Amino acid sequence: MFKDFYSKHYSSYRQLVWQHSMSTAMLRANFPKGAKELSVSLLQALVLLLFNDADELSYEAIKEQLGVKNERELQRTLLSLSVGKVGGCKALVLCVMYAAGHTYLPNKTCLTV
């Protein structure tokens, strides 16, 4: 609906494009010290939600299930979930590396989405 309105008024000099990197999602997560709401990027949310149905996922499985074409963006996302501190937990997803051939595990002591 908005796209139609926008294209009628601005089609000659503007183009409407979705910026995936600017999107955010709110996830409710259960930590040992209580529930928290996490504000994460869309890609981070999709990766975390994959672990609702799997105990571990390979890099290739994550890439395939999400249909990600930009490997650098996926690597950055997995790295951001593997380091840092959120809700008193060192990492939401456990992995030594974030590249092809590695397996990712949810940090069950910290998170259930």
PDB file of N, CA and C in Angstrom:
ATOM      1  N   MET A   1       0.825  -1.183   0.000  1.00  0.00           N
ATOM      2  CA  MET A   1       0.000   0.000   0.000  1.00  0.00           C
ATOM      3  C   MET A   1       0.878   1.259   0.000  1.00  0.00           C
ATOM      4  N   PHE A   2       1.802   1.336   0.961  1.00  0.00           N
ATOM      5  CA  PHE A   2       2.682   2.497   1.010  1.00  0.00           C
ATOM      6  C   PHE A   2       3.586   2.546  -0.207  1.00  0.00           C
ATOM      7  N   LYS A   3       4.029   1.365  -0.658  1.00  0.00           N
ATOM      8  CA  LYS A   3       4.900   1.296  -1.823  1.00  0.00           C
ATOM      9  C   LYS A   3       4.211   1.884  -3.056  1.00  0.00           C
ATOM     10  N   ASP A   4       2.927   1.582  -3.220  1.00  0.00           N
ATOM     11  CA  ASP A   4       2.165   2.137  -4.347  1.00  0.00           C
ATOM     12  C   ASP A   4       2.070   3.660  -4.245  1.00  0.00           C
ATOM     13  N   PHE A   5       1.741   4.163  -3.058  1.00  0.00           N
ATOM     14  CA  PHE A   5       1.653   5.607  -2.843  1.00  0.00           C
ATOM     15  C   PHE A   5       2.991   6.277  -3.140  1.00  0.00           C
ATOM     16  N   TYR A   6       4.058   5.681  -2.606  1.00  0.00           N
ATOM     17  CA  TYR A   6       5.393   6.252  -2.763  1.00  0.00           C
ATOM     18  C   TYR A   6       5.806   6.291  -4.227  1.00  0.00           C
ATOM     19  N   SER A   7       5.567   5.184  -4.934  1.00  0.00           N
ATOM     20  CA  SER A   7       5.983   5.132  -6.341  1.00  0.00           C
ATOM     21  C   SER A   7       5.181   6.103  -7.217  1.00  0.00           C
ATOM     22  N   LYS A   8       3.949   6.395  -6.878  1.00  0.00           N
ATOM     23  CA  LYS A   8       3.145   7.367  -7.635  1.00  0.00           C
ATOM     24  C   LYS A   8       3.690   8.788  -7.467  1.00  0.00           C
ATOM     25  N   HIS A   9       4.102   9.123  -6.250  1.00  0.00           N
ATOM     26  CA  HIS A   9       4.532  10.487  -5.957  1.00  0.00           C
ATOM     27  C   HIS A   9       6.012  10.757  -6.210  1.00  0.00           C
ATOM     28  N   TYR A  10       6.856   9.739  -6.079  1.00  0.00           N
ATOM     29  CA  TYR A  10       8.297   9.972  -6.140  1.00  0.00           C
ATOM     30  C   TYR A  10       9.025   9.093  -7.156  1.00  0.00           C
ATOM     31  N   SER A  11       8.318   8.438  -8.030  1.00  0.00           N
ATOM     32  CA  SER A  11       8.946   7.455  -8.918  1.00  0.00           C
ATOM     33  C   SER A  11       9.974   8.051  -9.872  1.00  0.00           C
ATOM     34  N   SER A  12       9.841   9.305 -10.189  1.00  0.00           N
ATOM     35  CA  SER A  12      10.757   9.877 -11.172  1.00  0.00           C
ATOM     36  C   SER A  12      12.165  10.118 -10.615  1.00  0.00           C
ATOM     37  N   TYR A  13      12.318  10.284  -9.309  1.00  0.00           N
ATOM     38  CA  TYR A  13      13.641  10.607  -8.783  1.00  0.00           C
ATOM     39  C   TYR A  13      14.018   9.887  -7.486  1.00  0.00           C
ATOM     40  N   ARG A  14      13.167   8.997  -6.990  1.00  0.00           N
ATOM     41  CA  ARG A  14      13.501   8.256  -5.769  1.00  0.00           C
ATOM     42  C   ARG A  14      13.106   6.793  -5.920  1.00  0.00           C
ATOM     43  N   GLN A  15      13.822   5.953  -5.183  1.00  0.00           N
ATOM     44  CA  GLN A  15      13.520   4.530  -5.193  1.00  0.00           C
ATOM     45  C   GLN A  15      13.420   4.047  -3.756  1.00  0.00           C
ATOM     46  N   LEU A  16      12.383   3.281  -3.457  1.00  0.00           N
ATOM     47  CA  LEU A  16      12.175   2.731  -2.129  1.00  0.00           C
ATOM     48  C   LEU A  16      12.917   1.408  -2.009  1.00  0.00           C
ATOM     49  N   VAL A  17      13.870   1.323  -1.059  1.00  0.00           N
ATOM     50  CA  VAL A  17      14.698   0.128  -0.889  1.00  0.00           C
ATOM     51  C   VAL A  17      14.721  -0.256   0.589  1.00  0.00           C
ATOM     52  N   TRP A  18      14.519  -1.539   0.870  1.00  0.00           N
ATOM     53  CA  TRP A  18      14.572  -2.040   2.246  1.00  0.00           C
ATOM     54  C   TRP A  18      16.028  -2.152   2.681  1.00  0.00           C
ATOM     55  N   GLN A  19      16.358  -1.587   3.835  1.00  0.00           N
ATOM     56  CA  GLN A  19      17.704  -1.653   4.401  1.00  0.00           C
ATOM     57  C   GLN A  19      17.708  -2.695   5.529  1.00  0.00           C
ATOM     58  N   HIS A  20      18.090  -3.933   5.212  1.00  0.00           N
ATOM     59  CA  HIS A  20      18.050  -5.013   6.189  1.00  0.00           C
ATOM     60  C   HIS A  20      18.947  -4.740   7.395  1.00  0.00           C
ATOM     61  N   SER A  21      20.051  -4.077   7.175  1.00  0.00           N
ATOM     62  CA  SER A  21      20.977  -3.812   8.281  1.00  0.00           C
ATOM     63  C   SER A  21      20.405  -2.825   9.296  1.00  0.00           C
ATOM     64  N   MET A  22      19.371  -2.094   8.931  1.00  0.00           N
ATOM     65  CA  MET A  22      18.771  -1.116   9.835  1.00  0.00           C
ATOM     66  C   MET A  22      17.613  -1.703  10.653  1.00  0.00           C
ATOM     67  N   SER A  23      17.213  -2.933  10.369  1.00  0.00           N
ATOM     68  CA  SER A  23      16.063  -3.531  11.044  1.00  0.00           C
ATOM     69  C   SER A  23      16.452  -4.071  12.421  1.00  0.00           C
ATOM     70  N   THR A  24      15.474  -4.092  13.327  1.00  0.00           N
ATOM     71  CA  THR A  24      15.703  -4.642  14.662  1.00  0.00           C
ATOM     72  C   THR A  24      14.529  -5.545  15.050  1.00  0.00           C
ATOM     73  N   ALA A  25      14.774  -6.383  16.027  1.00  0.00           N
ATOM     74  CA  ALA A  25      13.740  -7.265  16.553  1.00  0.00           C
ATOM     75  C   ALA A  25      13.898  -7.345  18.066  1.00  0.00           C
ATOM     76  N   MET A  26      12.794  -7.550  18.744  1.00  0.00           N
ATOM     77  CA  MET A  26      12.819  -7.732  20.196  1.00  0.00           C
ATOM     78  C   MET A  26      12.554  -9.199  20.491  1.00  0.00           C
ATOM     79  N   LEU A  27      13.483  -9.842  21.221  1.00  0.00           N
ATOM     80  CA  LEU A  27      13.327 -11.233  21.622  1.00  0.00           C
ATOM     81  C   LEU A  27      13.245 -11.298  23.139  1.00  0.00           C
ATOM     82  N   ARG A  28      12.342 -12.106  23.632  1.00  0.00           N
ATOM     83  CA  ARG A  28      12.256 -12.338  25.070  1.00  0.00           C
ATOM     84  C   ARG A  28      13.082 -13.585  25.368  1.00  0.00           C
ATOM     85  N   ALA A  29      14.058 -13.442  26.252  1.00  0.00           N
ATOM     86  CA  ALA A  29      14.969 -14.539  26.574  1.00  0.00           C
ATOM     87  C   ALA A  29      14.955 -14.800  28.075  1.00  0.00           C
ATOM     88  N   ASN A  30      15.070 -16.054  28.445  1.00  0.00           N
ATOM     89  CA  ASN A  30      15.111 -16.446  29.852  1.00  0.00           C
ATOM     90  C   ASN A  30      16.551 -16.724  30.263  1.00  0.00           C
ATOM     91  N   PHE A  31      17.063 -15.896  31.175  1.00  0.00           N
ATOM     92  CA  PHE A  31      18.399 -16.043  31.720  1.00  0.00           C
ATOM     93  C   PHE A  31      18.284 -16.587  33.138  1.00  0.00           C
ATOM     94  N   PRO A  32      19.395 -17.118  33.701  1.00  0.00           N
ATOM     95  CA  PRO A  32      19.344 -17.647  35.074  1.00  0.00           C
ATOM     96  C   PRO A  32      18.843 -16.617  36.095  1.00  0.00           C
ATOM     97  N   LYS A  33      19.142 -15.355  35.878  1.00  0.00           N
ATOM     98  CA  LYS A  33      18.715 -14.322  36.827  1.00  0.00           C
ATOM     99  C   LYS A  33      17.393 -13.672  36.430  1.00  0.00           C
ATOM    100  N   GLY A  34      16.688 -14.256  35.461  1.00  0.00           N
ATOM    101  CA  GLY A  34      15.382 -13.729  35.072  1.00  0.00           C
ATOM    102  C   GLY A  34      15.281 -13.463  33.584  1.00  0.00           C
ATOM    103  N   ALA A  35      14.072 -13.164  33.162  1.00  0.00           N
ATOM    104  CA  ALA A  35      13.801 -12.912  31.745  1.00  0.00           C
ATOM    105  C   ALA A  35      14.295 -11.523  31.344  1.00  0.00           C
ATOM    106  N   LYS A  36      14.756 -11.425  30.116  1.00  0.00           N
ATOM    107  CA  LYS A  36      15.223 -10.144  29.559  1.00  0.00           C
ATOM    108  C   LYS A  36      14.659 -10.009  28.158  1.00  0.00           C
ATOM    109  N   GLU A  37      14.519  -8.787  27.708  1.00  0.00           N
ATOM    110  CA  GLU A  37      14.184  -8.536  26.318  1.00  0.00           C
ATOM    111  C   GLU A  37      15.441  -8.060  25.616  1.00  0.00           C
ATOM    112  N   LEU A  38      15.767  -8.722  24.520  1.00  0.00           N
ATOM    113  CA  LEU A  38      16.962  -8.388  23.760  1.00  0.00           C
ATOM    114  C   LEU A  38      16.566  -7.632  22.509  1.00  0.00           C
ATOM    115  N   SER A  39      17.213  -6.529  22.269  1.00  0.00           N
ATOM    116  CA  SER A  39      17.032  -5.793  21.023  1.00  0.00           C
ATOM    117  C   SER A  39      18.193  -6.180  20.120  1.00  0.00           C
ATOM    118  N   VAL A  40      17.893  -6.941  19.083  1.00  0.00           N
ATOM    119  CA  VAL A  40      18.922  -7.472  18.195  1.00  0.00           C
ATOM    120  C   VAL A  40      18.576  -7.140  16.753  1.00  0.00           C
ATOM    121  N   SER A  41      19.548  -7.311  15.885  1.00  0.00           N
ATOM    122  CA  SER A  41      19.283  -7.090  14.467  1.00  0.00           C
ATOM    123  C   SER A  41      18.397  -8.224  13.953  1.00  0.00           C
ATOM    124  N   LEU A  42      17.801  -8.024  12.800  1.00  0.00           N
ATOM    125  CA  LEU A  42      16.945  -9.039  12.215  1.00  0.00           C
ATOM    126  C   LEU A  42      17.706 -10.341  11.986  1.00  0.00           C
ATOM    127  N   LEU A  43      18.917 -10.250  11.472  1.00  0.00           N
ATOM    128  CA  LEU A  43      19.700 -11.448  11.207  1.00  0.00           C
ATOM    129  C   LEU A  43      20.095 -12.158  12.505  1.00  0.00           C
ATOM    130  N   GLN A  44      20.442 -11.405  13.546  1.00  0.00           N
ATOM    131  CA  GLN A  44      20.749 -12.011  14.840  1.00  0.00           C
ATOM    132  C   GLN A  44      19.530 -12.755  15.386  1.00  0.00           C
ATOM    133  N   ALA A  45      18.361 -12.147  15.269  1.00  0.00           N
ATOM    134  CA  ALA A  45      17.132 -12.789  15.742  1.00  0.00           C
ATOM    135  C   ALA A  45      16.863 -14.080  14.989  1.00  0.00           C
ATOM    136  N   LEU A  46      17.040 -14.066  13.687  1.00  0.00           N
ATOM    137  CA  LEU A  46      16.801 -15.269  12.888  1.00  0.00           C
ATOM    138  C   LEU A  46      17.762 -16.387  13.265  1.00  0.00           C
ATOM    139  N   VAL A  47      19.031 -16.046  13.505  1.00  0.00           N
ATOM    140  CA  VAL A  47      20.009 -17.055  13.913  1.00  0.00           C
ATOM    141  C   VAL A  47      19.612 -17.643  15.268  1.00  0.00           C
ATOM    142  N   LEU A  48      19.267 -16.798  16.230  1.00  0.00           N
ATOM    143  CA  LEU A  48      18.889 -17.282  17.557  1.00  0.00           C
ATOM    144  C   LEU A  48      17.641 -18.152  17.502  1.00  0.00           C
ATOM    145  N   LEU A  49      16.676 -17.785  16.681  1.00  0.00           N
ATOM    146  CA  LEU A  49      15.445 -18.563  16.580  1.00  0.00           C
ATOM    147  C   LEU A  49      15.668 -19.924  15.932  1.00  0.00           C
ATOM    148  N   LEU A  50      16.716 -20.063  15.127  1.00  0.00           N
ATOM    149  CA  LEU A  50      17.038 -21.377  14.557  1.00  0.00           C
ATOM    150  C   LEU A  50      17.323 -22.406  15.648  1.00  0.00           C
ATOM    151  N   PHE A  51      17.847 -21.944  16.781  1.00  0.00           N
ATOM    152  CA  PHE A  51      18.208 -22.858  17.865  1.00  0.00           C
ATOM    153  C   PHE A  51      16.990 -23.331  18.665  1.00  0.00           C
ATOM    154  N   ASN A  52      15.800 -22.831  18.356  1.00  0.00           N
ATOM    155  CA  ASN A  52      14.588 -23.383  18.976  1.00  0.00           C
ATOM    156  C   ASN A  52      14.333 -24.800  18.477  1.00  0.00           C
ATOM    157  N   ASP A  53      14.794 -25.105  17.267  1.00  0.00           N
ATOM    158  CA  ASP A  53      14.542 -26.410  16.661  1.00  0.00           C
ATOM    159  C   ASP A  53      15.780 -27.285  16.544  1.00  0.00           C
ATOM    160  N   ALA A  54      16.934 -26.826  16.997  1.00  0.00           N
ATOM    161  CA  ALA A  54      18.167 -27.605  16.847  1.00  0.00           C
ATOM    162  C   ALA A  54      19.082 -27.386  18.046  1.00  0.00           C
ATOM    163  N   ASP A  55      19.793 -28.439  18.423  1.00  0.00           N
ATOM    164  CA  ASP A  55      20.759 -28.335  19.524  1.00  0.00           C
ATOM    165  C   ASP A  55      22.092 -27.789  19.050  1.00  0.00           C
ATOM    166  N   GLU A  56      22.425 -28.047  17.788  1.00  0.00           N
ATOM    167  CA  GLU A  56      23.639 -27.490  17.204  1.00  0.00           C
ATOM    168  C   GLU A  56      23.441 -27.331  15.711  1.00  0.00           C
ATOM    169  N   LEU A  57      24.122 -26.337  15.158  1.00  0.00           N
ATOM    170  CA  LEU A  57      24.014 -26.046  13.730  1.00  0.00           C
ATOM    171  C   LEU A  57      25.388 -25.752  13.164  1.00  0.00           C
ATOM    172  N   SER A  58      25.651 -26.239  11.979  1.00  0.00           N
ATOM    173  CA  SER A  58      26.901 -25.911  11.307  1.00  0.00           C
ATOM    174  C   SER A  58      26.746 -24.547  10.621  1.00  0.00           C
ATOM    175  N   TYR A  59      27.865 -23.967  10.292  1.00  0.00           N
ATOM    176  CA  TYR A  59      27.865 -22.700   9.560  1.00  0.00           C
ATOM    177  C   TYR A  59      27.065 -22.843   8.266  1.00  0.00           C
ATOM    178  N   GLU A  60      27.297 -23.951   7.562  1.00  0.00           N
ATOM    179  CA  GLU A  60      26.616 -24.177   6.288  1.00  0.00           C
ATOM    180  C   GLU A  60      25.106 -24.313   6.477  1.00  0.00           C
ATOM    181  N   ALA A  61      24.677 -24.992   7.560  1.00  0.00           N
ATOM    182  CA  ALA A  61      23.252 -25.165   7.834  1.00  0.00           C
ATOM    183  C   ALA A  61      22.585 -23.821   8.122  1.00  0.00           C
ATOM    184  N   ILE A  62      23.251 -22.971   8.895  1.00  0.00           N
ATOM    185  CA  ILE A  62      22.714 -21.644   9.200  1.00  0.00           C
ATOM    186  C   ILE A  62      22.578 -20.839   7.910  1.00  0.00           C
ATOM    187  N   LYS A  63      23.625 -20.857   7.121  1.00  0.00           N
ATOM    188  CA  LYS A  63      23.627 -20.114   5.851  1.00  0.00           C
ATOM    189  C   LYS A  63      22.510 -20.606   4.932  1.00  0.00           C
ATOM    190  N   GLU A  64      22.348 -21.917   4.834  1.00  0.00           N
ATOM    191  CA  GLU A  64      21.335 -22.492   3.952  1.00  0.00           C
ATOM    192  C   GLU A  64      19.921 -22.210   4.445  1.00  0.00           C
ATOM    193  N   GLN A  65      19.678 -22.403   5.738  1.00  0.00           N
ATOM    194  CA  GLN A  65      18.330 -22.209   6.277  1.00  0.00           C
ATOM    195  C   GLN A  65      17.875 -20.760   6.202  1.00  0.00           C
ATOM    196  N   LEU A  66      18.808 -19.837   6.348  1.00  0.00           N
ATOM    197  CA  LEU A  66      18.454 -18.414   6.288  1.00  0.00           C
ATOM    198  C   LEU A  66      18.501 -17.864   4.867  1.00  0.00           C
ATOM    199  N   GLY A  67      19.147 -18.590   3.961  1.00  0.00           N
ATOM    200  CA  GLY A  67      19.248 -18.119   2.581  1.00  0.00           C
ATOM    201  C   GLY A  67      20.096 -16.863   2.451  1.00  0.00           C
ATOM    202  N   VAL A  68      21.110 -16.750   3.287  1.00  0.00           N
ATOM    203  CA  VAL A  68      21.973 -15.574   3.292  1.00  0.00           C
ATOM    204  C   VAL A  68      22.939 -15.633   2.113  1.00  0.00           C
ATOM    205  N   LYS A  69      22.987 -14.576   1.341  1.00  0.00           N
ATOM    206  CA  LYS A  69      23.905 -14.508   0.210  1.00  0.00           C
ATOM    207  C   LYS A  69      25.195 -13.760   0.566  1.00  0.00           C
ATOM    208  N   ASN A  70      25.095 -12.837   1.502  1.00  0.00           N
ATOM    209  CA  ASN A  70      26.241 -12.034   1.914  1.00  0.00           C
ATOM    210  C   ASN A  70      26.963 -12.739   3.070  1.00  0.00           C
ATOM    211  N   GLU A  71      28.027 -13.472   2.742  1.00  0.00           N
ATOM    212  CA  GLU A  71      28.739 -14.246   3.758  1.00  0.00           C
ATOM    213  C   GLU A  71      29.402 -13.371   4.813  1.00  0.00           C
ATOM    214  N   ARG A  72      29.895 -12.225   4.422  1.00  0.00           N
ATOM    215  CA  ARG A  72      30.540 -11.330   5.402  1.00  0.00           C
ATOM    216  C   ARG A  72      29.540 -10.879   6.458  1.00  0.00           C
ATOM    217  N   GLU A  73      28.325 -10.597   6.042  1.00  0.00           N
ATOM    218  CA  GLU A  73      27.288 -10.168   6.993  1.00  0.00           C
ATOM    219  C   GLU A  73      26.953 -11.306   7.956  1.00  0.00           C
ATOM    220  N   LEU A  74      26.855 -12.520   7.449  1.00  0.00           N
ATOM    221  CA  LEU A  74      26.582 -13.674   8.309  1.00  0.00           C
ATOM    222  C   LEU A  74      27.734 -13.903   9.279  1.00  0.00           C
ATOM    223  N   GLN A  75      28.969 -13.792   8.816  1.00  0.00           N
ATOM    224  CA  GLN A  75      30.121 -13.965   9.693  1.00  0.00           C
ATOM    225  C   GLN A  75      30.135 -12.910  10.790  1.00  0.00           C
ATOM    226  N   ARG A  76      29.843 -11.664  10.441  1.00  0.00           N
ATOM    227  CA  ARG A  76      29.774 -10.586  11.451  1.00  0.00           C
ATOM    228  C   ARG A  76      28.689 -10.873  12.483  1.00  0.00           C
ATOM    229  N   THR A  77      27.555 -11.357  12.002  1.00  0.00           N
ATOM    230  CA  THR A  77      26.438 -11.650  12.902  1.00  0.00           C
ATOM    231  C   THR A  77      26.793 -12.770  13.862  1.00  0.00           C
ATOM    232  N   LEU A  78      27.376 -13.849  13.344  1.00  0.00           N
ATOM    233  CA  LEU A  78      27.756 -14.964  14.208  1.00  0.00           C
ATOM    234  C   LEU A  78      28.840 -14.557  15.200  1.00  0.00           C
ATOM    235  N   LEU A  79      29.764 -13.728  14.778  1.00  0.00           N
ATOM    236  CA  LEU A  79      30.792 -13.230  15.690  1.00  0.00           C
ATOM    237  C   LEU A  79      30.163 -12.394  16.801  1.00  0.00           C
ATOM    238  N   SER A  80      29.212 -11.534  16.446  1.00  0.00           N
ATOM    239  CA  SER A  80      28.579 -10.679  17.461  1.00  0.00           C
ATOM    240  C   SER A  80      27.800 -11.499  18.483  1.00  0.00           C
ATOM    241  N   LEU A  81      27.285 -12.669  18.081  1.00  0.00           N
ATOM    242  CA  LEU A  81      26.569 -13.530  19.016  1.00  0.00           C
ATOM    243  C   LEU A  81      27.514 -14.422  19.819  1.00  0.00           C
ATOM    244  N   SER A  82      28.749 -14.548  19.364  1.00  0.00           N
ATOM    245  CA  SER A  82      29.717 -15.441  20.016  1.00  0.00           C
ATOM    246  C   SER A  82      30.628 -14.724  21.006  1.00  0.00           C
ATOM    247  N   VAL A  83      30.630 -13.410  21.009  1.00  0.00           N
ATOM    248  CA  VAL A  83      31.466 -12.639  21.934  1.00  0.00           C
ATOM    249  C   VAL A  83      30.595 -11.592  22.615  1.00  0.00           C
ATOM    250  N   GLY A  84      31.161 -10.921  23.572  1.00  0.00           N
ATOM    251  CA  GLY A  84      30.418  -9.876  24.262  1.00  0.00           C
ATOM    252  C   GLY A  84      29.693 -10.425  25.475  1.00  0.00           C
ATOM    253  N   LYS A  85      28.917  -9.573  26.120  1.00  0.00           N
ATOM    254  CA  LYS A  85      28.219  -9.965  27.333  1.00  0.00           C
ATOM    255  C   LYS A  85      26.805  -9.412  27.283  1.00  0.00           C
ATOM    256  N   VAL A  86      25.821 -10.304  27.409  1.00  0.00           N
ATOM    257  CA  VAL A  86      24.417  -9.902  27.387  1.00  0.00           C
ATOM    258  C   VAL A  86      23.722 -10.581  28.562  1.00  0.00           C
ATOM    259  N   GLY A  87      23.045  -9.816  29.383  1.00  0.00           N
ATOM    260  CA  GLY A  87      22.282 -10.387  30.485  1.00  0.00           C
ATOM    261  C   GLY A  87      23.096 -11.228  31.453  1.00  0.00           C
ATOM    262  N   GLY A  88      24.351 -10.869  31.665  1.00  0.00           N
ATOM    263  CA  GLY A  88      25.203 -11.607  32.581  1.00  0.00           C
ATOM    264  C   GLY A  88      25.804 -12.865  31.972  1.00  0.00           C
ATOM    265  N   CYS A  89      25.694 -13.020  30.667  1.00  0.00           N
ATOM    266  CA  CYS A  89      26.208 -14.200  29.983  1.00  0.00           C
ATOM    267  C   CYS A  89      27.295 -13.774  29.013  1.00  0.00           C
ATOM    268  N   LYS A  90      28.380 -14.542  28.941  1.00  0.00           N
ATOM    269  CA  LYS A  90      29.480 -14.184  28.044  1.00  0.00           C
ATOM    270  C   LYS A  90      29.100 -14.228  26.576  1.00  0.00           C
ATOM    271  N   ALA A  91      28.369 -15.256  26.139  1.00  0.00           N
ATOM    272  CA  ALA A  91      28.015 -15.376  24.727  1.00  0.00           C
ATOM    273  C   ALA A  91      26.672 -16.080  24.603  1.00  0.00           C
ATOM    274  N   LEU A  92      25.859 -15.628  23.657  1.00  0.00           N
ATOM    275  CA  LEU A  92      24.569 -16.261  23.431  1.00  0.00           C
ATOM    276  C   LEU A  92      24.716 -17.540  22.611  1.00  0.00           C
ATOM    277  N   VAL A  93      25.711 -17.560  21.736  1.00  0.00           N
ATOM    278  CA  VAL A  93      25.983 -18.735  20.910  1.00  0.00           C
ATOM    279  C   VAL A  93      27.454 -19.085  21.103  1.00  0.00           C
ATOM    280  N   LEU A  94      27.728 -20.356  21.398  1.00  0.00           N
ATOM    281  CA  LEU A  94      29.098 -20.781  21.666  1.00  0.00           C
ATOM    282  C   LEU A  94      29.778 -21.291  20.410  1.00  0.00           C
ATOM    283  N   CYS A  95      30.928 -20.753  20.102  1.00  0.00           N
ATOM    284  CA  CYS A  95      31.737 -21.217  18.989  1.00  0.00           C
ATOM    285  C   CYS A  95      33.111 -20.573  19.096  1.00  0.00           C
ATOM    286  N   VAL A  96      34.129 -21.331  18.740  1.00  0.00           N
ATOM    287  CA  VAL A  96      35.486 -20.791  18.776  1.00  0.00           C
ATOM    288  C   VAL A  96      35.712 -19.881  17.575  1.00  0.00           C
ATOM    289  N   MET A  97      35.261 -20.302  16.410  1.00  0.00           N
ATOM    290  CA  MET A  97      35.421 -19.513  15.190  1.00  0.00           C
ATOM    291  C   MET A  97      34.048 -19.279  14.577  1.00  0.00           C
ATOM    292  N   TYR A  98      33.996 -18.402  13.594  1.00  0.00           N
ATOM    293  CA  TYR A  98      32.712 -18.085  12.964  1.00  0.00           C
ATOM    294  C   TYR A  98      32.751 -18.311  11.464  1.00  0.00           C
ATOM    295  N   ALA A  99      33.492 -19.307  11.029  1.00  0.00           N
ATOM    296  CA  ALA A  99      33.640 -19.535   9.591  1.00  0.00           C
ATOM    297  C   ALA A  99      33.130 -20.912   9.207  1.00  0.00           C
ATOM    298  N   ALA A 100      33.201 -21.187   7.921  1.00  0.00           N
ATOM    299  CA  ALA A 100      32.723 -22.460   7.384  1.00  0.00           C
ATOM    300  C   ALA A 100      33.412 -23.632   8.080  1.00  0.00           C
ATOM    301  N   GLY A 101      32.663 -24.693   8.291  1.00  0.00           N
ATOM    302  CA  GLY A 101      33.218 -25.889   8.910  1.00  0.00           C
ATOM    303  C   GLY A 101      33.087 -25.931  10.417  1.00  0.00           C
ATOM    304  N   HIS A 102      32.586 -24.892  11.035  1.00  0.00           N
ATOM    305  CA  HIS A 102      32.448 -24.860  12.485  1.00  0.00           C
ATOM    306  C   HIS A 102      31.003 -25.119  12.883  1.00  0.00           C
ATOM    307  N   THR A 103      30.839 -25.639  14.090  1.00  0.00           N
ATOM    308  CA  THR A 103      29.512 -25.924  14.618  1.00  0.00           C
ATOM    309  C   THR A 103      29.186 -24.906  15.710  1.00  0.00           C
ATOM    310  N   TYR A 104      27.940 -24.474  15.723  1.00  0.00           N
ATOM    311  CA  TYR A 104      27.472 -23.486  16.694  1.00  0.00           C
ATOM    312  C   TYR A 104      26.483 -24.143  17.646  1.00  0.00           C
ATOM    313  N   LEU A 105      26.610 -23.833  18.931  1.00  0.00           N
ATOM    314  CA  LEU A 105      25.740 -24.378  19.961  1.00  0.00           C
ATOM    315  C   LEU A 105      25.121 -23.225  20.741  1.00  0.00           C
ATOM    316  N   PRO A 106      23.837 -23.334  21.104  1.00  0.00           N
ATOM    317  CA  PRO A 106      23.279 -22.291  21.977  1.00  0.00           C
ATOM    318  C   PRO A 106      23.882 -22.432  23.366  1.00  0.00           C
ATOM    319  N   ASN A 107      24.136 -21.336  24.029  1.00  0.00           N
ATOM    320  CA  ASN A 107      24.663 -21.372  25.386  1.00  0.00           C
ATOM    321  C   ASN A 107      23.491 -21.595  26.326  1.00  0.00           C
ATOM    322  N   LYS A 108      23.189 -22.865  26.613  1.00  0.00           N
ATOM    323  CA  LYS A 108      21.983 -23.219  27.356  1.00  0.00           C
ATOM    324  C   LYS A 108      22.005 -22.749  28.804  1.00  0.00           C
ATOM    325  N   THR A 109      23.164 -22.451  29.342  1.00  0.00           N
ATOM    326  CA  THR A 109      23.203 -21.931  30.708  1.00  0.00           C
ATOM    327  C   THR A 109      22.721 -20.495  30.760  1.00  0.00           C
ATOM    328  N   CYS A 110      22.655 -19.858  29.595  1.00  0.00           N
ATOM    329  CA  CYS A 110      22.290 -18.451  29.569  1.00  0.00           C
ATOM    330  C   CYS A 110      20.964 -18.141  28.899  1.00  0.00           C
ATOM    331  N   LEU A 111      20.564 -18.943  27.927  1.00  0.00           N
ATOM    332  CA  LEU A 111      19.495 -18.453  27.057  1.00  0.00           C
ATOM    333  C   LEU A 111      18.518 -19.522  26.636  1.00  0.00           C
ATOM    334  N   THR A 112      17.248 -19.179  26.718  1.00  0.00           N
ATOM    335  CA  THR A 112      16.191 -19.894  26.012  1.00  0.00           C
ATOM    336  C   THR A 112      15.286 -18.839  25.418  1.00  0.00           C
ATOM    337  N   VAL A 113      15.140 -18.857  24.126  1.00  0.00           N
ATOM    338  CA  VAL A 113      14.329 -17.837  23.433  1.00  0.00           C
ATOM    339  C   VAL A 113      12.933 -18.387  23.257  1.00  0.00           C
TER     340      VAL A 113
END
